[in-house]
Structures are given as C-alpha cells and as structure tokens.
Amino acid sequence: MIRPGRDGLTMATPPAKPVTERTLSIASEFGPLRFTFRDSGNMDEHVRATISGATYPWPGMPTGYVYDTIVDVGANIGASALWFMSCKPKRLVCFEPSQESLTLLRRNLSALPGVEIHPWGLFDRDREVRLYHGRRQSMQHSVVPSIETRDEFETIALRRAATVFAELKLGAISLLKIDTEGCEVPILCDIVEMLPRIDAIYVEYHSERDRKEIDAILSPLFILSRADSKHPHRGVILYVAQRVVDAVPIYGAMELKRPD
C-alpha cells in the first residue's frame, strides 16, 4: 500500500508473516521438473507469467532461426531461464548476485543441460555494493533503495560486463535479457561494442529517464519490437537487430510510409 507522507510517497510495511516455499510441478521437454520459490507478495503471479512465456514472448525471428547463446542478467530464481530453455539453446548463461535467489536458481535449473550460473551481478565496473531486499518479494531486490525495498541488505559483487563477457567468450548472442532493477543503462553502455553481435535484447526499465537512454543506446542498430508498460517508470521492452528484422519479409511489408 502506498500512503502520502510528509516528504512525498511512502510505502506502508506489510504485516510480517512467515514466508514458506512453494513448489510447482512442471512438464517440460527435459522431463518433469520441480520449480521452487518463496511464496511472498505477488511472486506466484510473476513466476507463472514468466514460465508460461507471457513476460518474455519469443521474438519473431527468421524461419529456421536457431538460438545459440542466451544470456540472462538478473536471473533471480530461474523462471525466465526455464522459459528460455524451451527453445533448447546450446548455451544459457545466468547472472544472479543474491544468495537466497542464487540457491533457488541452482536448485531450479539443476536438471537442465548447458546452463551456466555465475554468482555476481554486472555493471560498468567492478565494485561491491549493498543489495537492498525487496519489500514484498525477491524480484524487487535492488542496489538502489526505494519504496519497493526494505532496510535489510546483503553485500554483493558487481563485475564489469564487458570484461565478464570477454572472459566467458560470449561472442554472438541470440538473446540478451537484462533485468537488474536500475543497472540496465550502465551495463548496456559497457557492452556497446558488442551490440552488433546481438540479435535480440529484452530489457526492463525502472524510470522514464532510463527508458529514453536505453532507446538512444539501442536505436542505431535495433528496432523496437515489443513494449509492455502498465504504468509510468516500469516496463519490459524488446529490441530486435535491424539486420534480423530485414531478414523477415513480412516486417518490411508491415511498415507504413508517411503520406506526402
């Protein structure tokens, strides 16, 4: 609940209650899987939407396109990674700095082949920072304190994105997803030289300023393909490389020219 305060908007702390783990049984191409999460806030809703593909629908790639490498920055407990594995990429690389989320991420993806999990976040330089815990659930964890975080925090490592990508030999990337609760712009700026080798990028934004900067960074090489924004300062946007769009004839046919 958001309440007006003397200095602006404040969020009332929800009543404390025990948080239990919940496990979903999932039928997959890899066999039956069990997916566990802490059942707090609206975590159940987010997990189900992500695993079903509603949060990150597949980009409309050219016929016969094969997903080679998928990179999930801010993998949380693995719901997005599990969805991405449905297209059977050769390699799925996950980054998650929160210890609690990391434990569940490893457990939830343990039965899947070709998954790499790295226990740090990404940024435009190496540093240690506080990760403030989400007020209602772990998808709100952020290095930026806000009305969506608590005072409780853990200290995490952030590593320079360009250096890590080079170390892991991440050359061509089929799909890059970035959801880092505020670090998206620094990460994109740091890997700007890699952008010509990325086919599609899903990025979440957490301020209108960031949305505009993300568009400025990506628009020279990418075209906006999908956007979902339910209210100001929050949204999920998909950019697909212009060269990929040019390879799908129907996209060119859909473009309307301006009238003279």
C-alpha atoms as a PDB file:
ATOM      1  CA  MET A   1       0.000   0.000   0.000  1.00  0.00           C
ATOM      2  CA  ILE A   2       1.306   3.483  -0.886  1.00  0.00           C
ATOM      3  CA  ARG A   3       0.451   6.279   1.522  1.00  0.00           C
ATOM      4  CA  PRO A   4       1.122  10.024   1.298  1.00  0.00           C
ATOM      5  CA  GLY A   5       3.821  11.112   3.718  1.00  0.00           C
ATOM      6  CA  ARG A   6       5.265  14.440   4.780  1.00  0.00           C
ATOM      7  CA  ASP A   7       8.098  14.126   2.282  1.00  0.00           C
ATOM      8  CA  GLY A   8       6.140  12.542  -0.554  1.00  0.00           C
ATOM      9  CA  LEU A   9       5.008   8.981  -1.128  1.00  0.00           C
ATOM     10  CA  THR A  10       5.907   6.254   1.322  1.00  0.00           C
ATOM     11  CA  MET A  11       5.021   2.602   1.251  1.00  0.00           C
ATOM     12  CA  ALA A  12       3.473   1.037   4.318  1.00  0.00           C
ATOM     13  CA  THR A  13       5.351  -2.028   5.531  1.00  0.00           C
ATOM     14  CA  PRO A  14       3.165  -5.116   5.050  1.00  0.00           C
ATOM     15  CA  PRO A  15       2.358  -7.125   8.178  1.00  0.00           C
ATOM     16  CA  ALA A  16       5.084  -9.613   8.993  1.00  0.00           C
ATOM     17  CA  LYS A  17       4.135 -13.220   8.341  1.00  0.00           C
ATOM     18  CA  PRO A  18       6.046 -16.442   7.856  1.00  0.00           C
ATOM     19  CA  VAL A  19       7.235 -16.957   4.297  1.00  0.00           C
ATOM     20  CA  THR A  20       7.006 -20.517   3.070  1.00  0.00           C
ATOM     21  CA  GLU A  21       8.439 -22.171  -0.006  1.00  0.00           C
ATOM     22  CA  ARG A  22       6.112 -23.298  -2.748  1.00  0.00           C
ATOM     23  CA  THR A  23       6.940 -25.825  -5.456  1.00  0.00           C
ATOM     24  CA  LEU A  24       5.359 -26.138  -8.894  1.00  0.00           C
ATOM     25  CA  SER A  25       5.465 -29.394 -10.840  1.00  0.00           C
ATOM     26  CA  ILE A  26       6.240 -28.644 -14.478  1.00  0.00           C
ATOM     27  CA  ALA A  27       6.115 -30.908 -17.524  1.00  0.00           C
ATOM     28  CA  SER A  28       8.947 -29.992 -19.885  1.00  0.00           C
ATOM     29  CA  GLU A  29      10.845 -31.346 -22.869  1.00  0.00           C
ATOM     30  CA  PHE A  30      13.565 -32.275 -20.387  1.00  0.00           C
ATOM     31  CA  GLY A  31      11.169 -34.348 -18.313  1.00  0.00           C
ATOM     32  CA  PRO A  32       9.209 -33.449 -15.158  1.00  0.00           C
ATOM     33  CA  LEU A  33      10.708 -30.519 -13.256  1.00  0.00           C
ATOM     34  CA  ARG A  34      10.102 -29.002  -9.843  1.00  0.00           C
ATOM     35  CA  PHE A  35      10.304 -25.219  -9.524  1.00  0.00           C
ATOM     36  CA  THR A  36      10.538 -23.740  -6.028  1.00  0.00           C
ATOM     37  CA  PHE A  37      10.038 -20.148  -4.911  1.00  0.00           C
ATOM     38  CA  ARG A  38       9.363 -18.228  -1.719  1.00  0.00           C
ATOM     39  CA  ASP A  39       5.625 -17.557  -1.686  1.00  0.00           C
ATOM     40  CA  SER A  40       5.570 -13.882  -0.738  1.00  0.00           C
ATOM     41  CA  GLY A  41       3.934 -10.826  -2.269  1.00  0.00           C
ATOM     42  CA  ASN A  42       2.877 -11.499  -5.860  1.00  0.00           C
ATOM     43  CA  MET A  43       5.743 -13.920  -6.523  1.00  0.00           C
ATOM     44  CA  ASP A  44       3.374 -16.701  -7.577  1.00  0.00           C
ATOM     45  CA  GLU A  45       1.841 -14.461 -10.264  1.00  0.00           C
ATOM     46  CA  HIS A  46       5.251 -13.376 -11.582  1.00  0.00           C
ATOM     47  CA  VAL A  47       6.647 -16.915 -11.661  1.00  0.00           C
ATOM     48  CA  ARG A  48       3.674 -18.330 -13.540  1.00  0.00           C
ATOM     49  CA  ALA A  49       3.635 -15.462 -16.067  1.00  0.00           C
ATOM     50  CA  THR A  50       7.354 -15.838 -16.737  1.00  0.00           C
ATOM     51  CA  ILE A  51       7.443 -19.626 -17.007  1.00  0.00           C
ATOM     52  CA  SER A  52       4.472 -19.555 -19.396  1.00  0.00           C
ATOM     53  CA  GLY A  53       6.198 -17.078 -21.736  1.00  0.00           C
ATOM     54  CA  ALA A  54       3.799 -14.210 -21.064  1.00  0.00           C
ATOM     55  CA  THR A  55       6.551 -11.950 -19.700  1.00  0.00           C
ATOM     56  CA  TYR A  56       9.125 -12.603 -22.439  1.00  0.00           C
ATOM     57  CA  PRO A  57       7.379 -13.803 -25.621  1.00  0.00           C
ATOM     58  CA  TRP A  58       9.761 -15.110 -28.262  1.00  0.00           C
ATOM     59  CA  PRO A  59      10.920 -12.545 -30.825  1.00  0.00           C
ATOM     60  CA  GLY A  60       9.652 -13.217 -34.334  1.00  0.00           C
ATOM     61  CA  MET A  61      12.910 -14.482 -35.805  1.00  0.00           C
ATOM     62  CA  PRO A  62      13.500 -15.605 -39.425  1.00  0.00           C
ATOM     63  CA  THR A  63      12.287 -19.060 -40.424  1.00  0.00           C
ATOM     64  CA  GLY A  64      14.736 -21.716 -39.299  1.00  0.00           C
ATOM     65  CA  TYR A  65      16.443 -19.454 -36.773  1.00  0.00           C
ATOM     66  CA  VAL A  66      18.415 -21.397 -34.148  1.00  0.00           C
ATOM     67  CA  TYR A  67      19.055 -19.937 -30.702  1.00  0.00           C
ATOM     68  CA  ASP A  68      22.716 -20.463 -29.925  1.00  0.00           C
ATOM     69  CA  THR A  69      23.590 -18.458 -26.792  1.00  0.00           C
ATOM     70  CA  ILE A  70      21.114 -16.825 -24.418  1.00  0.00           C
ATOM     71  CA  VAL A  71      22.322 -14.564 -21.603  1.00  0.00           C
ATOM     72  CA  ASP A  72      20.097 -13.857 -18.585  1.00  0.00           C
ATOM     73  CA  VAL A  73      21.375 -10.933 -16.499  1.00  0.00           C
ATOM     74  CA  GLY A  74      19.390 -10.803 -13.279  1.00  0.00           C
ATOM     75  CA  ALA A  75      18.182 -14.400 -13.456  1.00  0.00           C
ATOM     76  CA  ASN A  76      16.599 -14.273  -9.960  1.00  0.00           C
ATOM     77  CA  ILE A  77      15.354 -17.805  -9.166  1.00  0.00           C
ATOM     78  CA  GLY A  78      15.298 -19.062 -12.758  1.00  0.00           C
ATOM     79  CA  ALA A  79      11.774 -18.539 -14.089  1.00  0.00           C
ATOM     80  CA  SER A  80      12.968 -16.659 -17.185  1.00  0.00           C
ATOM     81  CA  ALA A  81      15.850 -19.090 -17.711  1.00  0.00           C
ATOM     82  CA  LEU A  82      13.466 -22.038 -17.558  1.00  0.00           C
ATOM     83  CA  TRP A  83      11.298 -20.400 -20.231  1.00  0.00           C
ATOM     84  CA  PHE A  84      14.317 -19.605 -22.413  1.00  0.00           C
ATOM     85  CA  MET A  85      15.401 -23.246 -22.235  1.00  0.00           C
ATOM     86  CA  SER A  86      12.216 -24.241 -24.069  1.00  0.00           C
ATOM     87  CA  CYS A  87      13.921 -23.311 -27.356  1.00  0.00           C
ATOM     88  CA  LYS A  88      16.901 -25.519 -26.407  1.00  0.00           C
ATOM     89  CA  PRO A  89      19.783 -23.055 -26.834  1.00  0.00           C
ATOM     90  CA  LYS A  90      23.269 -24.534 -26.950  1.00  0.00           C
ATOM     91  CA  ARG A  91      24.285 -22.306 -24.055  1.00  0.00           C
ATOM     92  CA  LEU A  92      22.387 -20.408 -21.378  1.00  0.00           C
ATOM     93  CA  VAL A  93      24.439 -18.071 -19.166  1.00  0.00           C
ATOM     94  CA  CYS A  94      22.835 -16.716 -15.981  1.00  0.00           C
ATOM     95  CA  PHE A  95      23.992 -13.990 -13.576  1.00  0.00           C
ATOM     96  CA  GLU A  96      22.452 -13.604 -10.115  1.00  0.00           C
ATOM     97  CA  PRO A  97      24.118 -11.957  -7.072  1.00  0.00           C
ATOM     98  CA  SER A  98      21.534 -12.519  -4.307  1.00  0.00           C
ATOM     99  CA  GLN A  99      22.460 -15.527  -2.147  1.00  0.00           C
ATOM    100  CA  GLU A 100      18.869 -16.508  -1.424  1.00  0.00           C
ATOM    101  CA  SER A 101      17.838 -16.264  -5.087  1.00  0.00           C
ATOM    102  CA  LEU A 102      21.048 -17.974  -6.172  1.00  0.00           C
ATOM    103  CA  THR A 103      20.286 -21.016  -4.012  1.00  0.00           C
ATOM    104  CA  LEU A 104      16.868 -21.426  -5.616  1.00  0.00           C
ATOM    105  CA  LEU A 105      18.234 -20.655  -9.094  1.00  0.00           C
ATOM    106  CA  ARG A 106      20.738 -23.505  -8.831  1.00  0.00           C
ATOM    107  CA  ARG A 107      18.113 -25.872  -7.457  1.00  0.00           C
ATOM    108  CA  ASN A 108      15.504 -24.978 -10.081  1.00  0.00           C
ATOM    109  CA  LEU A 109      17.864 -25.336 -13.057  1.00  0.00           C
ATOM    110  CA  SER A 110      19.936 -28.275 -11.813  1.00  0.00           C
ATOM    111  CA  ALA A 111      18.308 -30.781 -14.190  1.00  0.00           C
ATOM    112  CA  LEU A 112      18.795 -28.672 -17.334  1.00  0.00           C
ATOM    113  CA  PRO A 113      21.749 -29.142 -19.700  1.00  0.00           C
ATOM    114  CA  GLY A 114      24.018 -26.343 -20.913  1.00  0.00           C
ATOM    115  CA  VAL A 115      23.226 -23.888 -18.108  1.00  0.00           C
ATOM    116  CA  GLU A 116      25.983 -21.753 -16.540  1.00  0.00           C
ATOM    117  CA  ILE A 117      25.284 -19.843 -13.335  1.00  0.00           C
ATOM    118  CA  HIS A 118      27.538 -17.045 -12.092  1.00  0.00           C
ATOM    119  CA  PRO A 119      27.127 -15.617  -8.540  1.00  0.00           C
ATOM    120  CA  TRP A 120      27.524 -11.917  -9.220  1.00  0.00           C
ATOM    121  CA  GLY A 121      25.778  -9.014 -10.883  1.00  0.00           C
ATOM    122  CA  LEU A 122      27.002  -6.929 -13.805  1.00  0.00           C
ATOM    123  CA  PHE A 123      27.793  -3.222 -14.037  1.00  0.00           C
ATOM    124  CA  ASP A 124      30.165  -0.890 -15.904  1.00  0.00           C
ATOM    125  CA  ARG A 125      32.957  -1.503 -13.371  1.00  0.00           C
ATOM    126  CA  ASP A 126      33.928  -3.891 -10.572  1.00  0.00           C
ATOM    127  CA  ARG A 127      32.583  -2.940  -7.147  1.00  0.00           C
ATOM    128  CA  GLU A 128      30.914  -4.210  -4.002  1.00  0.00           C
ATOM    129  CA  VAL A 129      27.516  -2.713  -3.164  1.00  0.00           C
ATOM    130  CA  ARG A 130      24.542  -3.183  -0.925  1.00  0.00           C
ATOM    131  CA  LEU A 131      21.659  -5.148  -2.418  1.00  0.00           C
ATOM    132  CA  TYR A 132      18.523  -3.989  -0.645  1.00  0.00           C
ATOM    133  CA  HIS A 133      15.916  -6.692  -0.250  1.00  0.00           C
ATOM    134  CA  GLY A 134      12.539  -6.332  -1.893  1.00  0.00           C
ATOM    135  CA  ARG A 135       9.679  -5.114   0.253  1.00  0.00           C
ATOM    136  CA  ARG A 136       7.383  -7.914  -0.852  1.00  0.00           C
ATOM    137  CA  GLN A 137       9.454 -10.391  -2.860  1.00  0.00           C
ATOM    138  CA  SER A 138      12.895 -11.076  -4.313  1.00  0.00           C
ATOM    139  CA  MET A 139      12.163  -9.652  -7.756  1.00  0.00           C
ATOM    140  CA  GLN A 140      12.243  -6.234  -6.076  1.00  0.00           C
ATOM    141  CA  HIS A 141      15.825  -6.629  -4.781  1.00  0.00           C
ATOM    142  CA  SER A 142      17.852  -3.608  -5.916  1.00  0.00           C
ATOM    143  CA  VAL A 143      21.133  -1.782  -5.353  1.00  0.00           C
ATOM    144  CA  VAL A 144      19.001   1.381  -5.334  1.00  0.00           C
ATOM    145  CA  PRO A 145      16.895   1.891  -2.185  1.00  0.00           C
ATOM    146  CA  SER A 146      13.305   2.850  -2.980  1.00  0.00           C
ATOM    147  CA  ILE A 147       9.726   2.435  -1.845  1.00  0.00           C
ATOM    148  CA  GLU A 148       9.971  -1.139  -3.162  1.00  0.00           C
ATOM    149  CA  THR A 149      12.886  -2.139  -0.897  1.00  0.00           C
ATOM    150  CA  ARG A 150      13.450  -2.724   2.811  1.00  0.00           C
ATOM    151  CA  ASP A 151      16.276  -1.561   5.037  1.00  0.00           C
ATOM    152  CA  GLU A 152      17.671  -5.105   5.110  1.00  0.00           C
ATOM    153  CA  PHE A 153      20.504  -5.706   2.665  1.00  0.00           C
ATOM    154  CA  GLU A 154      23.336  -8.019   1.730  1.00  0.00           C
ATOM    155  CA  THR A 155      26.681  -7.074   0.223  1.00  0.00           C
ATOM    156  CA  ILE A 156      27.147  -8.347  -3.329  1.00  0.00           C
ATOM    157  CA  ALA A 157      29.795  -8.238  -6.027  1.00  0.00           C
ATOM    158  CA  LEU A 158      29.197  -6.456  -9.309  1.00  0.00           C
ATOM    159  CA  ARG A 159      31.613  -7.117 -12.153  1.00  0.00           C
ATOM    160  CA  ARG A 160      32.309  -5.123 -15.284  1.00  0.00           C
ATOM    161  CA  ALA A 161      30.053  -6.530 -18.003  1.00  0.00           C
ATOM    162  CA  ALA A 162      32.467  -6.164 -20.925  1.00  0.00           C
ATOM    163  CA  THR A 163      35.244  -7.939 -19.020  1.00  0.00           C
ATOM    164  CA  VAL A 164      32.993 -10.815 -17.970  1.00  0.00           C
ATOM    165  CA  PHE A 165      31.597 -11.272 -21.484  1.00  0.00           C
ATOM    166  CA  ALA A 166      35.162 -11.469 -22.819  1.00  0.00           C
ATOM    167  CA  GLU A 167      36.246 -13.949 -20.127  1.00  0.00           C
ATOM    168  CA  LEU A 168      33.273 -16.202 -20.875  1.00  0.00           C
ATOM    169  CA  LYS A 169      33.859 -15.887 -24.637  1.00  0.00           C
ATOM    170  CA  LEU A 170      30.377 -14.527 -25.215  1.00  0.00           C
ATOM    171  CA  GLY A 171      30.705 -13.579 -28.858  1.00  0.00           C
ATOM    172  CA  ALA A 172      27.473 -13.777 -30.828  1.00  0.00           C
ATOM    173  CA  ILE A 173      24.403 -13.718 -28.567  1.00  0.00           C
ATOM    174  CA  SER A 174      20.979 -14.803 -29.781  1.00  0.00           C
ATOM    175  CA  LEU A 175      19.027 -13.230 -26.920  1.00  0.00           C
ATOM    176  CA  LEU A 176      20.171 -10.985 -24.080  1.00  0.00           C
ATOM    177  CA  LYS A 177      17.809 -10.310 -21.182  1.00  0.00           C
ATOM    178  CA  ILE A 178      18.656  -7.625 -18.616  1.00  0.00           C
ATOM    179  CA  ASP A 179      16.542  -7.057 -15.511  1.00  0.00           C
ATOM    180  CA  THR A 180      18.745  -5.568 -12.806  1.00  0.00           C
ATOM    181  CA  GLU A 181      16.457  -3.105 -11.007  1.00  0.00           C
ATOM    182  CA  GLY A 182      18.312   0.017 -12.101  1.00  0.00           C
ATOM    183  CA  CYS A 183      21.678  -1.114 -13.539  1.00  0.00           C
ATOM    184  CA  GLU A 184      20.453  -1.673 -17.107  1.00  0.00           C
ATOM    185  CA  VAL A 185      21.861   1.521 -18.656  1.00  0.00           C
ATOM    186  CA  PRO A 186      25.420   1.141 -17.262  1.00  0.00           C
ATOM    187  CA  ILE A 187      25.515  -2.470 -18.471  1.00  0.00           C
ATOM    188  CA  LEU A 188      24.368  -1.582 -21.992  1.00  0.00           C
ATOM    189  CA  CYS A 189      26.841   1.303 -22.190  1.00  0.00           C
ATOM    190  CA  ASP A 190      29.668  -1.016 -21.177  1.00  0.00           C
ATOM    191  CA  ILE A 191      28.900  -3.636 -23.843  1.00  0.00           C
ATOM    192  CA  VAL A 192      28.072  -1.171 -26.632  1.00  0.00           C
ATOM    193  CA  GLU A 193      30.877  -2.566 -28.820  1.00  0.00           C
ATOM    194  CA  MET A 194      29.214  -5.993 -28.611  1.00  0.00           C
ATOM    195  CA  LEU A 195      25.783  -4.810 -29.764  1.00  0.00           C
ATOM    196  CA  PRO A 196      26.391  -5.617 -33.461  1.00  0.00           C
ATOM    197  CA  ARG A 197      26.746  -9.288 -32.445  1.00  0.00           C
ATOM    198  CA  ILE A 198      23.469  -9.495 -30.500  1.00  0.00           C
ATOM    199  CA  ASP A 199      20.243 -10.490 -32.270  1.00  0.00           C
ATOM    200  CA  ALA A 200      17.615  -9.501 -29.696  1.00  0.00           C
ATOM    201  CA  ILE A 201      17.535  -7.755 -26.322  1.00  0.00           C
ATOM    202  CA  TYR A 202      14.850  -7.866 -23.641  1.00  0.00           C
ATOM    203  CA  VAL A 203      15.418  -5.093 -21.108  1.00  0.00           C
ATOM    204  CA  GLU A 204      13.334  -3.909 -18.183  1.00  0.00           C
ATOM    205  CA  TYR A 205      13.409  -0.233 -17.276  1.00  0.00           C
ATOM    206  CA  HIS A 206      12.664   1.356 -13.921  1.00  0.00           C
ATOM    207  CA  SER A 207      12.462   5.049 -14.774  1.00  0.00           C
ATOM    208  CA  GLU A 208      11.379   7.127 -17.759  1.00  0.00           C
ATOM    209  CA  ARG A 209      14.898   8.563 -17.909  1.00  0.00           C
ATOM    210  CA  ASP A 210      16.330   5.051 -18.291  1.00  0.00           C
ATOM    211  CA  ARG A 211      13.774   4.151 -20.966  1.00  0.00           C
ATOM    212  CA  LYS A 212      14.849   7.102 -23.081  1.00  0.00           C
ATOM    213  CA  GLU A 213      18.543   6.333 -22.592  1.00  0.00           C
ATOM    214  CA  ILE A 214      18.031   2.666 -23.458  1.00  0.00           C
ATOM    215  CA  ASP A 215      16.319   3.680 -26.684  1.00  0.00           C
ATOM    216  CA  ALA A 216      19.151   6.089 -27.539  1.00  0.00           C
ATOM    217  CA  ILE A 217      21.745   3.357 -26.970  1.00  0.00           C
ATOM    218  CA  LEU A 218      19.956   0.677 -28.987  1.00  0.00           C
ATOM    219  CA  SER A 219      18.140   2.555 -31.772  1.00  0.00           C
ATOM    220  CA  PRO A 220      21.168   2.892 -34.098  1.00  0.00           C
ATOM    221  CA  LEU A 221      21.301  -0.901 -34.558  1.00  0.00           C
ATOM    222  CA  PHE A 222      17.988  -2.199 -33.195  1.00  0.00           C
ATOM    223  CA  ILE A 223      14.302  -1.664 -33.806  1.00  0.00           C
ATOM    224  CA  LEU A 224      11.658  -1.666 -31.082  1.00  0.00           C
ATOM    225  CA  SER A 225       9.670  -4.872 -31.470  1.00  0.00           C
ATOM    226  CA  ARG A 226       7.562  -5.111 -28.333  1.00  0.00           C
ATOM    227  CA  ALA A 227       6.772  -2.987 -25.281  1.00  0.00           C
ATOM    228  CA  ASP A 228       4.730  -3.633 -22.154  1.00  0.00           C
ATOM    229  CA  SER A 229       4.243  -0.787 -19.684  1.00  0.00           C
ATOM    230  CA  LYS A 230       1.426  -0.950 -17.167  1.00  0.00           C
ATOM    231  CA  HIS A 231       2.241   2.393 -15.502  1.00  0.00           C
ATOM    232  CA  PRO A 232       4.908   5.127 -15.568  1.00  0.00           C
ATOM    233  CA  HIS A 233       8.552   4.257 -14.841  1.00  0.00           C
ATOM    234  CA  ARG A 234       8.159   0.492 -15.292  1.00  0.00           C
ATOM    235  CA  GLY A 235       8.129  -1.666 -18.383  1.00  0.00           C
ATOM    236  CA  VAL A 236       9.586  -4.523 -20.414  1.00  0.00           C
ATOM    237  CA  ILE A 237      10.835  -3.723 -23.915  1.00  0.00           C
ATOM    238  CA  LEU A 238      12.153  -5.923 -26.680  1.00  0.00           C
ATOM    239  CA  TYR A 239      14.592  -4.726 -29.321  1.00  0.00           C
ATOM    240  CA  VAL A 240      15.485  -6.827 -32.359  1.00  0.00           C
ATOM    241  CA  ALA A 241      18.534  -6.109 -34.501  1.00  0.00           C
ATOM    242  CA  GLN A 242      17.677  -4.229 -37.700  1.00  0.00           C
ATOM    243  CA  ARG A 243      19.557  -6.846 -39.758  1.00  0.00           C
ATOM    244  CA  VAL A 244      17.320  -9.559 -38.255  1.00  0.00           C
ATOM    245  CA  VAL A 245      14.177  -7.545 -38.986  1.00  0.00           C
ATOM    246  CA  ASP A 246      15.345  -7.046 -42.581  1.00  0.00           C
ATOM    247  CA  ALA A 247      15.573 -10.835 -42.940  1.00  0.00           C
ATOM    248  CA  VAL A 248      11.827 -11.253 -42.231  1.00  0.00           C
ATOM    249  CA  PRO A 249       9.922 -10.009 -45.327  1.00  0.00           C
ATOM    250  CA  ILE A 250       6.605  -9.547 -43.531  1.00  0.00           C
ATOM    251  CA  TYR A 251       8.109  -6.889 -41.272  1.00  0.00           C
ATOM    252  CA  GLY A 252       9.045  -4.715 -44.229  1.00  0.00           C
ATOM    253  CA  ALA A 253       5.555  -5.173 -45.662  1.00  0.00           C
ATOM    254  CA  MET A 254       4.002  -4.019 -42.375  1.00  0.00           C
ATOM    255  CA  GLU A 255       5.761  -0.656 -42.397  1.00  0.00           C
ATOM    256  CA  LEU A 256       3.512   2.206 -43.461  1.00  0.00           C
ATOM    257  CA  LYS A 257       5.148   5.076 -45.303  1.00  0.00           C
ATOM    258  CA  ARG A 258       4.217   8.607 -44.392  1.00  0.00           C
ATOM    259  CA  PRO A 259       1.782  10.273 -46.762  1.00  0.00           C
ATOM    260  CA  ASP A 260       3.160  13.047 -48.949  1.00  0.00           C
END
